[in-house]
Amino acid sequence: MEDTRSVASLMDSTSSKIQQLQKAFAELESQRAVTLNLKWKEIEEHFHGLERSLKRRFHELEDQEKEYETKTRKAQELLEKKKAAVEAKEKVSLERLQKKRDAAVFAINSALVKYNNPPPITITSAEDSPNNAFVADGTDENPDGTVQEAEISPEVKAYPQLLKLCGDMDSAGLHKFVSDNRKNLASLKEEIPAAFKAAANPASLVLDSLEGFYPVEAPNGDGKKDGNLLGMRRTCIMLMECLSVLLSGLDGNSLGAVLSESVKQRAKSIAEGWSPLLGSLEMDACNGNSLEAHAFLQLLATFGIVSGFEEDGILKLIPMVSRRRQAAALCRSLGLSEKMPGVIEVLMNSGKQIDAVNLAFAFELTEQFPPVELLKSYLTEAKRSSSQGGPGNASPAVQDEFNERELTGLKAVAKCVEEHNLEEQYPVEPLQKRILQLEKAKAEKKRATEPTKPQTKRPRGAQPRVPDNHNHNNNNNNKTGYGRVIPERYPQYVYDNRPFLSGPIMAAQAPPPPPPQTYTFSPAAAAHGNFYGNCYQYQAPPPPYFH
């Protein structure tokens, strides 16, 4: 700014300089000693031209400076707005993160309180009370691992029948009760551990419930399609999990009373009988949802017999149950936490990146196995398999299978992202758009292939009605006043009374009337059997699994 003012002052002083120059020139001209060819007017015009040029350039520079200052001010204002927007977003993100942190801390504290304060279990001797709980010392323990009668637990409120079933050691009745109340499995899982206190030997009761897990009458049958067998196997797993909850709240003496050596030996013999049958697992084992492998591992973890089996064989079964929600807790119970990096690598190499991500979060191995990269690789493989089934490479059925596989993969990835709060690292909007696109194409193709339902033909004209002279008295009692209707459902049209059809030519050309149509209905349809209204037979689907 000071330089600008100095330049302006110098430009303003040009007039005085020109006047001084004029005086000097006049004095020089008065000497007459030298003849000058230049005239003052020309010199004056030259200097005035220089002055105007300098002022014009000076004003241009001032305008450019003002424009630059305006742009700078606008840029600073925009920068301040963006800074404020970023700060607002950071504040919202911090608030959301704080809420999630508070919820997680609350859940952890609740779990710790529940873990540190297990359901009270009274340890008394046989002489202290007629209704005894688990025996405290080994003198009252029976050789087969049974314990004294347990006192009735006040924690079983919703289903008091469980107390009687457990007190009677009725494993079959317990299975049936769980099956009948399959809609309330969450409440059952909360009350069964407390109800086990009423059993003389809860561990033996659970082992009794495992009978029939592998049917003897059909050992090689397809149990995956038997809903009752699947339900029974899920109930066996749930009972073993409930027993683990009960055992986690016992002290050393009570735990030794329940899990005696005879009970552990019996559980080990059952596990040894199941182990050879696990080699025939195929579909469920490949997708990580095997009930047989889960039951075997849960049996080892619940009864503490892991040391009796090879660790390599147990590790090979983990990928067979990786999709089940209990997989992480099951691995901890089996003491495999240190082996999880190797298990996660096996899942990655076998195309189970979703299960690998879940286990990485469960065991805090996300730095070693980045979840976003695993999810992207999973989708890449799904899209690659889908692209290989293009119109020129595969039939429509194979293409539908590839599209269904990609749709399933997209849904699994979107669900995994939401469960682990990875939206900022992996936005789900493109995934949702692709899911909607595939579902729309699937729905359109389904509508195009659905057969059209046959429509019942209706008569074109009104049915003629004629009076019944023989039953005139009866017709008087008819409230409608109409005559008797011709019984035929589709009557013949009468053409003889139409004058425009008379004559020899029309009489010769008129075809004979068609015979009346009759419809017969089966007795099953009349009795509301397995038929729809369009006479297509309906077959009831097999009963679904009750868990």
Foldseek 3Di string as FASTA:
>chain_A
DVVLVVVVVVLVCLVVVLVVVVVVVVVVVVVVPDDDPDDSVVVVVVSVVVSVVVVVVSVVVVVVVVVVVVVVVVVVVVVVVVVVVVVVVVVVVVVVVVVVVVVVVVVVVVVVVCLVDDDDFDADDVPPDVQHWFHQAPPQFDPLLFGGFADQDPVPDPCSVLLVCQLVLPLVVVLVVCLVPLVPVVSVLVCNLNSNRRHRALLVSLVVLCPPLQPPVCNPDDPVPPQVSVLSLVVSLSSLVSLQSNLSPDDDRSNCSRLPPNSLVSLVVVLVVLVVVVVPDDDLQLQQRDSSLSSSLSSCLSNVPLVVDDPVSNLSSLSSNLVPPCSLVSCVSSVCLVVLVVSLVVCLVSLNLLSSLVNCVSSVNCVVPPSVVSLVVSLVVLVVCLVCCDPVRHDPVSNLVSLVSNLVSLVSSVVSCVVVVVCVVPPSVVSVVSNVVSVVVVVVVVVVPDDDQDDDDDAPDDFDFDADPVVVVVLVPDPVNTHDGDPQRHDWDDDPPDVVQDDDVSVVVPDDTDDGDDDDDDVCVVVVHQADPSRDGHDDDDDHNSD
